Amino acid sequence: MANYKLDTVAFRRHVLNAPWMVEEMHHRGEMVKEAAEAIAPVYEEGPHPGRYKAGFELESGVDGGVKHDRAYAIVRNVAPEALFVEYGTEHNPAHHTLTIALEAARL
């Protein structure tokens, strides 16, 4: 019976941080961002209509994850009201925009 020992340094370099993996993670992040923008609510009567919808950002690169050893993509919303739109408040329902977008973009 053969034994196999994973070379974690090589795996990190050739798979987790490989250029093709960075590109794939960026592509998946774009899909999530586009889906979130498509379903984001716009409160027309509010003081800043459309700010939440326009507040989605994508960051991608290498050295992500818990161990900082892999390609990553992060989609976030930088609008001040983003937390309240995503999770709701006592007087406003939760929209779960990013949660739904992540599911919609799942491959």
N, C-alpha and C. Protein backbone atom coordinates (compact mmCIF):
# COMPACT_ATOMS: atom_id res chain seq x y z
N MET A 1 0.85 -1.18 0.00
CA MET A 1 0.00 0.00 0.00
C MET A 1 0.89 1.24 0.00
N ALA A 2 0.56 2.21 -0.85
CA ALA A 2 1.35 3.44 -0.97
C ALA A 2 0.91 4.47 0.05
N ASN A 3 1.88 5.21 0.51
CA ASN A 3 1.58 6.32 1.42
C ASN A 3 1.68 7.63 0.66
N TYR A 4 0.86 8.59 1.05
CA TYR A 4 0.89 9.89 0.40
C TYR A 4 0.89 10.96 1.47
N LYS A 5 1.80 11.90 1.34
CA LYS A 5 1.85 13.02 2.27
C LYS A 5 1.66 14.29 1.45
N LEU A 6 0.62 15.03 1.77
CA LEU A 6 0.30 16.26 1.04
C LEU A 6 1.36 17.32 1.32
N ASP A 7 1.88 17.89 0.27
CA ASP A 7 2.82 19.01 0.38
C ASP A 7 1.97 20.28 0.47
N THR A 8 1.72 20.75 1.69
CA THR A 8 0.80 21.87 1.89
C THR A 8 1.33 23.16 1.28
N VAL A 9 2.62 23.37 1.25
CA VAL A 9 3.19 24.58 0.65
C VAL A 9 2.92 24.58 -0.86
N ALA A 10 3.17 23.45 -1.49
CA ALA A 10 2.92 23.35 -2.93
C ALA A 10 1.43 23.46 -3.22
N PHE A 11 0.59 22.84 -2.40
CA PHE A 11 -0.85 22.90 -2.60
C PHE A 11 -1.34 24.34 -2.50
N ARG A 12 -0.84 25.06 -1.51
CA ARG A 12 -1.21 26.47 -1.33
C ARG A 12 -0.83 27.28 -2.56
N ARG A 13 0.38 27.08 -3.05
CA ARG A 13 0.89 27.85 -4.18
C ARG A 13 0.22 27.47 -5.49
N HIS A 14 0.03 26.19 -5.71
CA HIS A 14 -0.45 25.71 -7.01
C HIS A 14 -1.96 25.55 -7.11
N VAL A 15 -2.65 25.60 -5.99
CA VAL A 15 -4.10 25.48 -6.03
C VAL A 15 -4.78 26.65 -5.31
N LEU A 16 -4.55 26.79 -4.02
CA LEU A 16 -5.30 27.78 -3.23
C LEU A 16 -5.00 29.22 -3.63
N ASN A 17 -3.77 29.50 -4.05
CA ASN A 17 -3.39 30.86 -4.46
C ASN A 17 -3.02 30.94 -5.94
N ALA A 18 -3.35 29.94 -6.69
CA ALA A 18 -3.02 29.93 -8.12
C ALA A 18 -3.77 31.04 -8.86
N PRO A 19 -3.18 31.57 -9.91
CA PRO A 19 -3.86 32.63 -10.67
C PRO A 19 -5.26 32.22 -11.15
N TRP A 20 -5.42 30.98 -11.58
CA TRP A 20 -6.74 30.53 -12.04
C TRP A 20 -7.75 30.51 -10.89
N MET A 21 -7.29 30.23 -9.66
CA MET A 21 -8.19 30.23 -8.51
C MET A 21 -8.56 31.66 -8.13
N VAL A 22 -7.61 32.58 -8.19
CA VAL A 22 -7.89 33.99 -7.93
C VAL A 22 -8.94 34.51 -8.92
N GLU A 23 -8.76 34.16 -10.18
CA GLU A 23 -9.71 34.56 -11.23
C GLU A 23 -11.09 33.96 -10.98
N GLU A 24 -11.14 32.71 -10.59
CA GLU A 24 -12.42 32.04 -10.33
C GLU A 24 -13.14 32.69 -9.14
N MET A 25 -12.40 32.98 -8.08
CA MET A 25 -13.01 33.61 -6.92
C MET A 25 -13.53 35.00 -7.27
N HIS A 26 -12.79 35.75 -8.07
CA HIS A 26 -13.25 37.08 -8.49
C HIS A 26 -14.53 36.95 -9.32
N HIS A 27 -14.54 35.98 -10.23
CA HIS A 27 -15.73 35.74 -11.06
C HIS A 27 -16.94 35.41 -10.20
N ARG A 28 -16.77 34.56 -9.22
CA ARG A 28 -17.89 34.20 -8.34
C ARG A 28 -18.35 35.40 -7.52
N GLY A 29 -17.39 36.22 -7.09
CA GLY A 29 -17.74 37.45 -6.37
C GLY A 29 -18.55 38.39 -7.24
N GLU A 30 -18.18 38.51 -8.51
CA GLU A 30 -18.94 39.35 -9.45
C GLU A 30 -20.37 38.85 -9.58
N MET A 31 -20.54 37.54 -9.63
CA MET A 31 -21.88 36.96 -9.76
C MET A 31 -22.73 37.32 -8.54
N VAL A 32 -22.15 37.23 -7.36
CA VAL A 32 -22.87 37.55 -6.13
C VAL A 32 -23.23 39.04 -6.11
N LYS A 33 -22.27 39.88 -6.46
CA LYS A 33 -22.49 41.34 -6.48
C LYS A 33 -23.61 41.70 -7.46
N GLU A 34 -23.57 41.15 -8.65
CA GLU A 34 -24.60 41.44 -9.66
C GLU A 34 -25.98 40.96 -9.19
N ALA A 35 -26.03 39.80 -8.58
CA ALA A 35 -27.32 39.28 -8.08
C ALA A 35 -27.84 40.17 -6.96
N ALA A 36 -26.96 40.62 -6.07
CA ALA A 36 -27.37 41.48 -4.96
C ALA A 36 -27.90 42.82 -5.49
N GLU A 37 -27.21 43.39 -6.46
CA GLU A 37 -27.64 44.66 -7.03
C GLU A 37 -29.00 44.52 -7.72
N ALA A 38 -29.23 43.38 -8.33
CA ALA A 38 -30.49 43.16 -9.06
C ALA A 38 -31.69 43.07 -8.12
N ILE A 39 -31.49 42.55 -6.91
CA ILE A 39 -32.62 42.37 -6.00
C ILE A 39 -32.64 43.36 -4.85
N ALA A 40 -31.67 44.25 -4.78
CA ALA A 40 -31.59 45.21 -3.67
C ALA A 40 -32.81 46.13 -3.66
N PRO A 41 -33.41 46.32 -2.48
CA PRO A 41 -34.56 47.21 -2.40
C PRO A 41 -34.11 48.67 -2.48
N VAL A 42 -35.00 49.50 -3.00
CA VAL A 42 -34.77 50.95 -3.06
C VAL A 42 -35.94 51.62 -2.37
N TYR A 43 -35.65 52.34 -1.32
CA TYR A 43 -36.69 53.06 -0.58
C TYR A 43 -36.78 54.47 -1.15
N GLU A 44 -37.70 54.65 -2.09
CA GLU A 44 -37.82 55.92 -2.83
C GLU A 44 -38.17 57.10 -1.95
N GLU A 45 -38.89 56.87 -0.86
CA GLU A 45 -39.30 57.98 0.01
C GLU A 45 -38.23 58.36 1.03
N GLY A 46 -37.16 57.60 1.11
CA GLY A 46 -36.11 57.86 2.09
C GLY A 46 -35.23 59.03 1.70
N PRO A 47 -34.35 59.43 2.61
CA PRO A 47 -33.47 60.57 2.34
C PRO A 47 -32.37 60.27 1.32
N HIS A 48 -32.07 59.01 1.11
CA HIS A 48 -31.00 58.62 0.18
C HIS A 48 -31.44 57.46 -0.71
N PRO A 49 -32.43 57.69 -1.58
CA PRO A 49 -32.91 56.57 -2.41
C PRO A 49 -31.81 56.02 -3.32
N GLY A 50 -31.66 54.71 -3.31
CA GLY A 50 -30.68 54.06 -4.17
C GLY A 50 -29.29 53.93 -3.58
N ARG A 51 -29.04 54.51 -2.41
CA ARG A 51 -27.70 54.43 -1.82
C ARG A 51 -27.34 52.99 -1.47
N TYR A 52 -28.29 52.25 -0.90
CA TYR A 52 -28.01 50.85 -0.57
C TYR A 52 -27.72 50.04 -1.83
N LYS A 53 -28.53 50.20 -2.85
CA LYS A 53 -28.37 49.45 -4.10
C LYS A 53 -27.01 49.76 -4.74
N ALA A 54 -26.55 50.99 -4.63
CA ALA A 54 -25.27 51.40 -5.22
C ALA A 54 -24.07 51.10 -4.30
N GLY A 55 -24.33 50.60 -3.11
CA GLY A 55 -23.27 50.44 -2.12
C GLY A 55 -22.54 49.11 -2.12
N PHE A 56 -22.80 48.24 -3.08
CA PHE A 56 -22.13 46.94 -3.10
C PHE A 56 -20.73 47.07 -3.66
N GLU A 57 -19.79 46.42 -3.02
CA GLU A 57 -18.38 46.42 -3.46
C GLU A 57 -17.86 44.99 -3.49
N LEU A 58 -16.91 44.77 -4.36
CA LEU A 58 -16.24 43.47 -4.48
C LEU A 58 -14.76 43.66 -4.22
N GLU A 59 -14.22 42.83 -3.36
CA GLU A 59 -12.78 42.78 -3.10
C GLU A 59 -12.34 41.34 -3.34
N SER A 60 -11.25 41.15 -4.06
CA SER A 60 -10.74 39.80 -4.26
C SER A 60 -9.23 39.84 -4.33
N GLY A 61 -8.62 38.70 -4.08
CA GLY A 61 -7.17 38.62 -4.12
C GLY A 61 -6.67 37.33 -3.51
N VAL A 62 -5.47 37.37 -2.95
CA VAL A 62 -4.87 36.20 -2.31
C VAL A 62 -4.68 36.50 -0.83
N ASP A 63 -4.27 35.50 -0.09
CA ASP A 63 -4.02 35.61 1.35
C ASP A 63 -5.30 35.81 2.14
N GLY A 64 -6.38 35.18 1.70
CA GLY A 64 -7.64 35.25 2.41
C GLY A 64 -7.87 34.01 3.25
N GLY A 65 -9.05 33.89 3.77
CA GLY A 65 -9.41 32.76 4.61
C GLY A 65 -8.88 32.90 6.02
N VAL A 66 -9.23 31.97 6.86
CA VAL A 66 -8.83 32.00 8.26
C VAL A 66 -7.32 31.94 8.41
N LYS A 67 -6.68 31.14 7.59
CA LYS A 67 -5.22 30.97 7.68
C LYS A 67 -4.47 31.90 6.72
N HIS A 68 -5.18 32.78 6.04
CA HIS A 68 -4.57 33.71 5.07
C HIS A 68 -3.72 32.97 4.05
N ASP A 69 -4.28 31.88 3.52
CA ASP A 69 -3.51 31.03 2.62
C ASP A 69 -4.26 30.67 1.34
N ARG A 70 -5.24 31.50 0.97
CA ARG A 70 -6.02 31.12 -0.21
C ARG A 70 -6.61 32.34 -0.91
N ALA A 71 -7.01 32.11 -2.17
CA ALA A 71 -7.69 33.15 -2.94
C ALA A 71 -9.04 33.42 -2.29
N TYR A 72 -9.53 34.65 -2.43
CA TYR A 72 -10.79 35.00 -1.81
C TYR A 72 -11.54 36.04 -2.62
N ALA A 73 -12.81 36.16 -2.33
CA ALA A 73 -13.65 37.25 -2.84
C ALA A 73 -14.60 37.62 -1.72
N ILE A 74 -14.75 38.92 -1.50
CA ILE A 74 -15.66 39.44 -0.48
C ILE A 74 -16.60 40.43 -1.16
N VAL A 75 -17.88 40.22 -0.98
CA VAL A 75 -18.88 41.18 -1.45
C VAL A 75 -19.48 41.80 -0.19
N ARG A 76 -19.47 43.12 -0.16
CA ARG A 76 -20.01 43.83 0.99
C ARG A 76 -20.82 45.02 0.52
N ASN A 77 -21.61 45.56 1.42
CA ASN A 77 -22.32 46.79 1.13
C ASN A 77 -21.86 47.83 2.13
N VAL A 78 -21.42 48.97 1.62
CA VAL A 78 -20.84 50.01 2.47
C VAL A 78 -21.84 51.10 2.86
N ALA A 79 -23.08 50.99 2.43
CA ALA A 79 -24.09 51.97 2.83
C ALA A 79 -24.32 51.88 4.34
N PRO A 80 -24.49 53.01 5.01
CA PRO A 80 -24.69 53.00 6.47
C PRO A 80 -25.87 52.15 6.92
N GLU A 81 -26.87 52.02 6.09
CA GLU A 81 -28.07 51.27 6.45
C GLU A 81 -28.00 49.79 6.08
N ALA A 82 -26.89 49.32 5.56
CA ALA A 82 -26.79 47.95 5.03
C ALA A 82 -27.16 46.89 6.06
N LEU A 83 -26.69 47.02 7.27
CA LEU A 83 -26.99 46.03 8.31
C LEU A 83 -28.49 45.95 8.57
N PHE A 84 -29.14 47.11 8.59
CA PHE A 84 -30.57 47.15 8.87
C PHE A 84 -31.39 46.61 7.71
N VAL A 85 -30.92 46.82 6.49
CA VAL A 85 -31.63 46.27 5.32
C VAL A 85 -31.47 44.75 5.29
N GLU A 86 -30.27 44.28 5.54
CA GLU A 86 -30.00 42.84 5.48
C GLU A 86 -30.77 42.09 6.57
N TYR A 87 -30.69 42.58 7.81
CA TYR A 87 -31.24 41.83 8.95
C TYR A 87 -32.55 42.38 9.50
N GLY A 88 -32.96 43.57 9.04
CA GLY A 88 -34.21 44.15 9.49
C GLY A 88 -34.09 44.84 10.84
N THR A 89 -35.17 45.50 11.21
CA THR A 89 -35.27 46.18 12.51
C THR A 89 -36.63 45.84 13.09
N GLU A 90 -36.93 46.45 14.20
CA GLU A 90 -38.22 46.24 14.83
C GLU A 90 -39.37 46.69 13.92
N HIS A 91 -39.10 47.71 13.09
CA HIS A 91 -40.15 48.29 12.27
C HIS A 91 -40.00 47.99 10.78
N ASN A 92 -38.91 47.36 10.38
CA ASN A 92 -38.68 47.06 8.96
C ASN A 92 -38.27 45.61 8.80
N PRO A 93 -38.80 44.95 7.79
CA PRO A 93 -38.48 43.53 7.60
C PRO A 93 -37.05 43.33 7.09
N ALA A 94 -36.50 42.18 7.38
CA ALA A 94 -35.18 41.81 6.86
C ALA A 94 -35.31 41.46 5.38
N HIS A 95 -34.38 41.93 4.57
CA HIS A 95 -34.41 41.62 3.13
C HIS A 95 -33.44 40.49 2.76
N HIS A 96 -32.42 40.26 3.57
CA HIS A 96 -31.44 39.20 3.33
C HIS A 96 -30.88 39.25 1.92
N THR A 97 -30.59 40.43 1.43
CA THR A 97 -30.15 40.63 0.06
C THR A 97 -28.89 39.84 -0.26
N LEU A 98 -27.86 39.97 0.56
CA LEU A 98 -26.61 39.25 0.28
C LEU A 98 -26.77 37.74 0.45
N THR A 99 -27.56 37.34 1.41
CA THR A 99 -27.79 35.90 1.61
C THR A 99 -28.47 35.30 0.38
N ILE A 100 -29.49 35.97 -0.12
CA ILE A 100 -30.21 35.49 -1.29
C ILE A 100 -29.31 35.52 -2.52
N ALA A 101 -28.52 36.59 -2.66
CA ALA A 101 -27.61 36.72 -3.81
C ALA A 101 -26.57 35.60 -3.80
N LEU A 102 -26.07 35.26 -2.64
CA LEU A 102 -25.09 34.19 -2.54
C LEU A 102 -25.69 32.87 -2.98
N GLU A 103 -26.91 32.60 -2.58
CA GLU A 103 -27.60 31.37 -2.99
C GLU A 103 -27.88 31.39 -4.49
N ALA A 104 -28.28 32.54 -5.02
CA ALA A 104 -28.61 32.65 -6.44
C ALA A 104 -27.38 32.44 -7.32
N ALA A 105 -26.22 32.83 -6.83
CA ALA A 105 -24.99 32.74 -7.61
C ALA A 105 -24.26 31.41 -7.41
N ARG A 106 -24.80 30.55 -6.56
CA ARG A 106 -24.13 29.28 -6.29
C ARG A 106 -24.06 28.44 -7.56
N LEU A 107 -22.90 27.88 -7.82
CA LEU A 107 -22.70 27.08 -9.03
C LEU A 107 -22.94 25.62 -8.74
